[in-house]
PDB file of N, CA and C in Angstrom:
ATOM      1  N   MET A   1      -5.336  -5.152   7.588  1.00  0.00           N
ATOM      2  CA  MET A   1      -5.312  -4.912   6.040  1.00  0.00           C
ATOM      3  C   MET A   1      -4.003  -4.846   5.478  1.00  0.00           C
ATOM      4  N   ALA A   2      -3.829  -5.500   4.446  1.00  0.00           N
ATOM      5  CA  ALA A   2      -2.433  -5.684   3.791  1.00  0.00           C
ATOM      6  C   ALA A   2      -2.072  -4.426   3.093  1.00  0.00           C
ATOM      7  N   SER A   3      -0.766  -4.260   3.113  1.00  0.00           N
ATOM      8  CA  SER A   3      -0.147  -2.986   2.374  1.00  0.00           C
ATOM      9  C   SER A   3       0.021  -3.231   1.102  1.00  0.00           C
ATOM     10  N   TYR A   4       0.321  -2.286   0.124  1.00  0.00           N
ATOM     11  CA  TYR A   4       0.820  -2.450  -1.197  1.00  0.00           C
ATOM     12  C   TYR A   4       1.915  -3.290  -1.350  1.00  0.00           C
ATOM     13  N   LYS A   5       2.758  -3.215  -0.376  1.00  0.00           N
ATOM     14  CA  LYS A   5       4.034  -3.885  -0.543  1.00  0.00           C
ATOM     15  C   LYS A   5       3.477  -5.466  -0.334  1.00  0.00           C
ATOM     16  N   ASP A   6       2.716  -5.798   0.521  1.00  0.00           N
ATOM     17  CA  ASP A   6       2.278  -7.105   0.859  1.00  0.00           C
ATOM     18  C   ASP A   6       1.694  -7.603  -0.318  1.00  0.00           C
ATOM     19  N   ILE A   7       0.886  -6.926  -0.977  1.00  0.00           N
ATOM     20  CA  ILE A   7       0.159  -7.301  -2.348  1.00  0.00           C
ATOM     21  C   ILE A   7       1.113  -7.499  -3.332  1.00  0.00           C
ATOM     22  N   ARG A   8       1.997  -6.668  -3.553  1.00  0.00           N
ATOM     23  CA  ARG A   8       3.105  -6.763  -4.642  1.00  0.00           C
ATOM     24  C   ARG A   8       3.827  -8.007  -4.386  1.00  0.00           C
ATOM     25  N   GLN A   9       4.281  -8.344  -3.069  1.00  0.00           N
ATOM     26  CA  GLN A   9       5.149  -9.442  -2.822  1.00  0.00           C
ATOM     27  C   GLN A   9       4.277 -10.860  -3.138  1.00  0.00           C
ATOM     28  N   TYR A  10       3.147 -10.761  -2.732  1.00  0.00           N
ATOM     29  CA  TYR A  10       2.282 -12.087  -2.836  1.00  0.00           C
ATOM     30  C   TYR A  10       2.203 -12.293  -4.346  1.00  0.00           C
ATOM     31  N   VAL A  11       1.800 -11.420  -5.202  1.00  0.00           N
ATOM     32  CA  VAL A  11       1.943 -11.534  -6.719  1.00  0.00           C
ATOM     33  C   VAL A  11       3.155 -11.956  -7.384  1.00  0.00           C
ATOM     34  N   LYS A  12       4.276 -11.511  -6.669  1.00  0.00           N
ATOM     35  CA  LYS A  12       5.647 -11.771  -7.304  1.00  0.00           C
ATOM     36  C   LYS A  12       5.896 -13.224  -6.799  1.00  0.00           C
ATOM     37  N   GLU A  13       5.530 -13.656  -5.763  1.00  0.00           N
ATOM     38  CA  GLU A  13       5.724 -15.131  -5.038  1.00  0.00           C
ATOM     39  C   GLU A  13       5.083 -16.062  -5.860  1.00  0.00           C
ATOM     40  N   HIS A  14       3.772 -15.892  -6.132  1.00  0.00           N
ATOM     41  CA  HIS A  14       2.877 -16.702  -6.614  1.00  0.00           C
ATOM     42  C   HIS A  14       2.812 -16.750  -8.393  1.00  0.00           C
ATOM     43  N   TYR A  15       3.106 -15.703  -8.928  1.00  0.00           N
ATOM     44  CA  TYR A  15       3.039 -15.442 -10.332  1.00  0.00           C
ATOM     45  C   TYR A  15       4.310 -14.976 -10.986  1.00  0.00           C
ATOM     46  N   ASN A  16       5.412 -14.770 -10.144  1.00  0.00           N
ATOM     47  CA  ASN A  16       6.626 -14.173 -10.687  1.00  0.00           C
ATOM     48  C   ASN A  16       6.381 -13.007 -11.671  1.00  0.00           C
ATOM     49  N   LYS A  17       5.516 -12.221 -11.354  1.00  0.00           N
ATOM     50  CA  LYS A  17       5.107 -10.765 -11.989  1.00  0.00           C
ATOM     51  C   LYS A  17       5.136  -9.611 -10.960  1.00  0.00           C
ATOM     52  N   ASN A  18       5.645  -8.549 -11.499  1.00  0.00           N
ATOM     53  CA  ASN A  18       5.806  -7.468 -10.747  1.00  0.00           C
ATOM     54  C   ASN A  18       4.659  -6.574 -11.159  1.00  0.00           C
ATOM     55  N   VAL A  19       3.968  -6.099 -10.231  1.00  0.00           N
ATOM     56  CA  VAL A  19       2.530  -5.213 -10.287  1.00  0.00           C
ATOM     57  C   VAL A  19       3.064  -3.762  -9.752  1.00  0.00           C
ATOM     58  N   LYS A  20       2.373  -2.897 -10.371  1.00  0.00           N
ATOM     59  CA  LYS A  20       2.534  -1.363  -9.979  1.00  0.00           C
ATOM     60  C   LYS A  20       1.297  -0.869  -8.946  1.00  0.00           C
ATOM     61  N   THR A  21       1.799  -0.154  -8.074  1.00  0.00           N
ATOM     62  CA  THR A  21       0.854   0.151  -6.973  1.00  0.00           C
ATOM     63  C   THR A  21      -0.166   0.954  -7.689  1.00  0.00           C
ATOM     64  N   CYS A  22      -0.081   1.665  -8.824  1.00  0.00           N
ATOM     65  CA  CYS A  22      -1.276   2.243  -9.311  1.00  0.00           C
ATOM     66  C   CYS A  22      -2.391   1.096  -9.883  1.00  0.00           C
ATOM     67  N   TRP A  23      -1.799  -0.014 -10.199  1.00  0.00           N
ATOM     68  CA  TRP A  23      -2.756  -0.937 -10.772  1.00  0.00           C
ATOM     69  C   TRP A  23      -3.426  -1.599  -9.659  1.00  0.00           C
ATOM     70  N   ILE A  24      -2.668  -1.748  -8.494  1.00  0.00           N
ATOM     71  CA  ILE A  24      -3.572  -2.353  -7.237  1.00  0.00           C
ATOM     72  C   ILE A  24      -4.604  -1.117  -6.875  1.00  0.00           C
ATOM     73  N   ALA A  25      -4.350  -0.137  -7.110  1.00  0.00           N
ATOM     74  CA  ALA A  25      -5.360   1.028  -6.534  1.00  0.00           C
ATOM     75  C   ALA A  25      -6.583   0.784  -7.586  1.00  0.00           C
ATOM     76  N   HIS A  26      -6.178   0.884  -8.849  1.00  0.00           N
ATOM     77  CA  HIS A  26      -7.306   0.463  -9.901  1.00  0.00           C
ATOM     78  C   HIS A  26      -8.167  -0.659  -9.515  1.00  0.00           C
ATOM     79  N   VAL A  27      -7.544  -1.802  -9.162  1.00  0.00           N
ATOM     80  CA  VAL A  27      -8.417  -3.159  -8.979  1.00  0.00           C
ATOM     81  C   VAL A  27      -9.116  -2.908  -7.742  1.00  0.00           C
ATOM     82  N   LYS A  28      -8.646  -2.211  -6.788  1.00  0.00           N
ATOM     83  CA  LYS A  28      -9.228  -1.711  -5.374  1.00  0.00           C
ATOM     84  C   LYS A  28     -10.592  -1.050  -5.860  1.00  0.00           C
ATOM     85  N   GLU A  29     -10.430  -0.093  -6.630  1.00  0.00           N
ATOM     86  CA  GLU A  29     -11.551   0.650  -7.194  1.00  0.00           C
ATOM     87  C   GLU A  29     -12.704  -0.331  -7.738  1.00  0.00           C
ATOM     88  N   ILE A  30     -12.172  -1.108  -8.703  1.00  0.00           N
ATOM     89  CA  ILE A  30     -13.098  -1.983  -9.396  1.00  0.00           C
ATOM     90  C   ILE A  30     -13.823  -2.936  -8.460  1.00  0.00           C
ATOM     91  N   VAL A  31     -13.235  -3.417  -7.337  1.00  0.00           N
ATOM     92  CA  VAL A  31     -13.944  -4.251  -6.489  1.00  0.00           C
ATOM     93  C   VAL A  31     -14.689  -3.645  -5.262  1.00  0.00           C
ATOM     94  N   GLY A  32     -14.778  -2.285  -5.430  1.00  0.00           N
ATOM     95  CA  GLY A  32     -15.524  -1.418  -4.359  1.00  0.00           C
ATOM     96  C   GLY A  32     -14.777  -0.991  -3.377  1.00  0.00           C
ATOM     97  N   LEU A  33     -13.527  -1.077  -3.040  1.00  0.00           N
ATOM     98  CA  LEU A  33     -12.732  -0.612  -2.015  1.00  0.00           C
ATOM     99  C   LEU A  33     -12.419   0.870  -2.363  1.00  0.00           C
ATOM    100  N   LYS A  34     -12.145   1.637  -1.353  1.00  0.00           N
ATOM    101  CA  LYS A  34     -11.857   3.095  -1.647  1.00  0.00           C
ATOM    102  C   LYS A  34     -10.201   3.404  -1.164  1.00  0.00           C
ATOM    103  N   PRO A  35      -9.385   3.297  -2.302  1.00  0.00           N
ATOM    104  CA  PRO A  35      -8.112   3.577  -2.124  1.00  0.00           C
ATOM    105  C   PRO A  35      -7.954   5.052  -1.916  1.00  0.00           C
ATOM    106  N   SER A  36      -6.932   5.464  -1.214  1.00  0.00           N
ATOM    107  CA  SER A  36      -6.618   6.950  -1.099  1.00  0.00           C
ATOM    108  C   SER A  36      -5.947   7.450  -2.393  1.00  0.00           C
ATOM    109  N   ILE A  37      -6.378   8.600  -2.641  1.00  0.00           N
ATOM    110  CA  ILE A  37      -5.691   9.403  -3.785  1.00  0.00           C
ATOM    111  C   ILE A  37      -4.434   9.755  -3.719  1.00  0.00           C
ATOM    112  N   ALA A  38      -3.402   9.300  -4.588  1.00  0.00           N
ATOM    113  CA  ALA A  38      -2.273   9.575  -4.531  1.00  0.00           C
ATOM    114  C   ALA A  38      -1.911  11.245  -4.686  1.00  0.00           C
ATOM    115  N   PRO A  39      -1.145  11.618  -3.940  1.00  0.00           N
ATOM    116  CA  PRO A  39      -0.752  13.268  -4.110  1.00  0.00           C
ATOM    117  C   PRO A  39      -0.334  13.635  -5.495  1.00  0.00           C
ATOM    118  N   ASN A  40       0.217  12.714  -6.034  1.00  0.00           N
ATOM    119  CA  ASN A  40       0.849  13.162  -7.495  1.00  0.00           C
ATOM    120  C   ASN A  40      -0.358  12.890  -8.496  1.00  0.00           C
ATOM    121  N   ARG A  41      -1.484  12.379  -8.250  1.00  0.00           N
ATOM    122  CA  ARG A  41      -2.389  12.046  -9.302  1.00  0.00           C
ATOM    123  C   ARG A  41      -2.949  13.354  -9.717  1.00  0.00           C
ATOM    124  N   ILE A  42      -3.142  13.561 -11.271  1.00  0.00           N
ATOM    125  CA  ILE A  42      -3.514  14.861 -11.751  1.00  0.00           C
ATOM    126  C   ILE A  42      -5.002  14.871 -11.504  1.00  0.00           C
ATOM    127  N   SER A  43      -5.776  13.902 -11.905  1.00  0.00           N
ATOM    128  CA  SER A  43      -7.225  13.927 -11.887  1.00  0.00           C
ATOM    129  C   SER A  43      -7.757  12.821 -11.148  1.00  0.00           C
ATOM    130  N   PRO A  44      -8.889  12.781 -10.192  1.00  0.00           N
ATOM    131  CA  PRO A  44      -9.434  11.616  -9.648  1.00  0.00           C
ATOM    132  C   PRO A  44     -10.157  10.746 -10.870  1.00  0.00           C
ATOM    133  N   GLU A  45     -10.603  11.452 -11.707  1.00  0.00           N
ATOM    134  CA  GLU A  45     -11.298  10.612 -12.876  1.00  0.00           C
ATOM    135  C   GLU A  45     -10.350   9.978 -13.839  1.00  0.00           C
ATOM    136  N   PHE A  46      -9.360  10.566 -14.029  1.00  0.00           N
ATOM    137  CA  PHE A  46      -8.574   9.984 -15.043  1.00  0.00           C
ATOM    138  C   PHE A  46      -7.229   9.117 -14.631  1.00  0.00           C
ATOM    139  N   ARG A  47      -7.019   8.065 -15.203  1.00  0.00           N
ATOM    140  CA  ARG A  47      -6.108   7.115 -14.771  1.00  0.00           C
ATOM    141  C   ARG A  47      -4.821   7.138 -16.082  1.00  0.00           C
ATOM    142  N   LYS A  48      -3.628   7.401 -15.471  1.00  0.00           N
ATOM    143  CA  LYS A  48      -2.827   7.225 -16.536  1.00  0.00           C
ATOM    144  C   LYS A  48      -2.040   5.940 -16.849  1.00  0.00           C
ATOM    145  N   CYS A  49      -2.170   5.056 -16.009  1.00  0.00           N
ATOM    146  CA  CYS A  49      -1.975   3.732 -16.012  1.00  0.00           C
ATOM    147  C   CYS A  49      -2.822   2.800 -15.539  1.00  0.00           C
ATOM    148  N   PRO A  50      -3.925   2.526 -16.406  1.00  0.00           N
ATOM    149  CA  PRO A  50      -4.978   1.343 -15.553  1.00  0.00           C
ATOM    150  C   PRO A  50      -4.479   0.103 -15.748  1.00  0.00           C
ATOM    151  N   CYS A  51      -4.934  -0.752 -14.903  1.00  0.00           N
ATOM    152  CA  CYS A  51      -4.466  -2.176 -14.632  1.00  0.00           C
ATOM    153  C   CYS A  51      -4.760  -2.951 -15.984  1.00  0.00           C
ATOM    154  N   PRO A  52      -3.663  -3.652 -16.609  1.00  0.00           N
ATOM    155  CA  PRO A  52      -3.749  -4.534 -17.779  1.00  0.00           C
ATOM    156  C   PRO A  52      -5.029  -5.644 -17.216  1.00  0.00           C
ATOM    157  N   ASP A  53      -5.621  -5.992 -18.125  1.00  0.00           N
ATOM    158  CA  ASP A  53      -6.678  -6.908 -17.824  1.00  0.00           C
ATOM    159  C   ASP A  53      -6.072  -8.510 -17.304  1.00  0.00           C
ATOM    160  N   LEU A  54      -4.811  -8.839 -17.740  1.00  0.00           N
ATOM    161  CA  LEU A  54      -4.040  -9.971 -17.441  1.00  0.00           C
ATOM    162  C   LEU A  54      -3.809 -10.042 -16.020  1.00  0.00           C
ATOM    163  N   TYR A  55      -3.593  -8.830 -15.454  1.00  0.00           N
ATOM    164  CA  TYR A  55      -3.123  -8.595 -14.009  1.00  0.00           C
ATOM    165  C   TYR A  55      -4.256  -8.476 -13.121  1.00  0.00           C
ATOM    166  N   ILE A  56      -5.479  -8.337 -13.671  1.00  0.00           N
ATOM    167  CA  ILE A  56      -6.587  -7.954 -12.620  1.00  0.00           C
ATOM    168  C   ILE A  56      -7.016  -8.975 -11.680  1.00  0.00           C
ATOM    169  N   GLU A  57      -7.078 -10.226 -12.385  1.00  0.00           N
ATOM    170  CA  GLU A  57      -7.546 -11.514 -11.642  1.00  0.00           C
ATOM    171  C   GLU A  57      -6.172 -11.833 -10.691  1.00  0.00           C
ATOM    172  N   LYS A  58      -4.930 -11.601 -10.956  1.00  0.00           N
ATOM    173  CA  LYS A  58      -4.094 -11.951  -9.894  1.00  0.00           C
ATOM    174  C   LYS A  58      -3.927 -10.921  -8.864  1.00  0.00           C
ATOM    175  N   ILE A  59      -4.555  -9.762  -9.054  1.00  0.00           N
ATOM    176  CA  ILE A  59      -4.391  -8.878  -7.823  1.00  0.00           C
ATOM    177  C   ILE A  59      -5.502  -9.103  -6.890  1.00  0.00           C
ATOM    178  N   LYS A  60      -6.586  -9.567  -7.640  1.00  0.00           N
ATOM    179  CA  LYS A  60      -7.955  -9.922  -6.882  1.00  0.00           C
ATOM    180  C   LYS A  60      -7.730 -10.907  -6.201  1.00  0.00           C
ATOM    181  N   GLU A  61      -6.913 -12.021  -6.756  1.00  0.00           N
ATOM    182  CA  GLU A  61      -6.668 -13.316  -5.713  1.00  0.00           C
ATOM    183  C   GLU A  61      -5.829 -12.864  -4.413  1.00  0.00           C
ATOM    184  N   ALA A  62      -4.810 -12.058  -4.485  1.00  0.00           N
ATOM    185  CA  ALA A  62      -4.052 -11.301  -3.567  1.00  0.00           C
ATOM    186  C   ALA A  62      -4.926 -10.739  -2.527  1.00  0.00           C
ATOM    187  N   LEU A  63      -5.833  -9.857  -2.874  1.00  0.00           N
ATOM    188  CA  LEU A  63      -6.963  -9.266  -2.197  1.00  0.00           C
ATOM    189  C   LEU A  63      -7.665 -10.035  -1.343  1.00  0.00           C
ATOM    190  N   LYS A  64      -8.160 -11.338  -2.127  1.00  0.00           N
ATOM    191  CA  LYS A  64      -8.902 -12.376  -1.145  1.00  0.00           C
ATOM    192  C   LYS A  64      -7.957 -13.009  -0.195  1.00  0.00           C
ATOM    193  N   HIS A  65      -6.744 -13.207  -0.643  1.00  0.00           N
ATOM    194  CA  HIS A  65      -5.813 -13.957   0.193  1.00  0.00           C
ATOM    195  C   HIS A  65      -5.588 -13.110   1.387  1.00  0.00           C
ATOM    196  N   PHE A  66      -5.668 -11.837   1.438  1.00  0.00           N
ATOM    197  CA  PHE A  66      -5.407 -10.884   2.570  1.00  0.00           C
ATOM    198  C   PHE A  66      -6.930 -10.554   3.158  1.00  0.00           C
ATOM    199  N   ASN A  67      -8.049 -11.320   2.759  1.00  0.00           N
ATOM    200  CA  ASN A  67      -9.474 -10.979   3.410  1.00  0.00           C
ATOM    201  C   ASN A  67      -9.817  -9.528   3.140  1.00  0.00           C
ATOM    202  N   MET A  68      -9.287  -9.016   2.095  1.00  0.00           N
ATOM    203  CA  MET A  68      -9.761  -7.529   1.832  1.00  0.00           C
ATOM    204  C   MET A  68     -11.021  -7.595   0.963  1.00  0.00           C
ATOM    205  N   ILE A  69     -11.369  -8.631   0.351  1.00  0.00           N
ATOM    206  CA  ILE A  69     -12.569  -8.649  -0.432  1.00  0.00           C
ATOM    207  C   ILE A  69     -13.229 -10.072  -0.251  1.00  0.00           C
TER     208      ILE A  69
END
């Protein structure tokens, strides 16, 4: 399984875009993976920074590349 750092690096190399780890966690939830809850997260039901729509497909592609989905 790839780390968040690996996923961020993949998106940076292929799209020249920086993504936040909270966006990766959001996309993991969207596709049905169970990311761990960050210790500084206020509520499991509320997302302060949801992933913007234009980055969802880019992160999904990275997850597919690393055979996570």
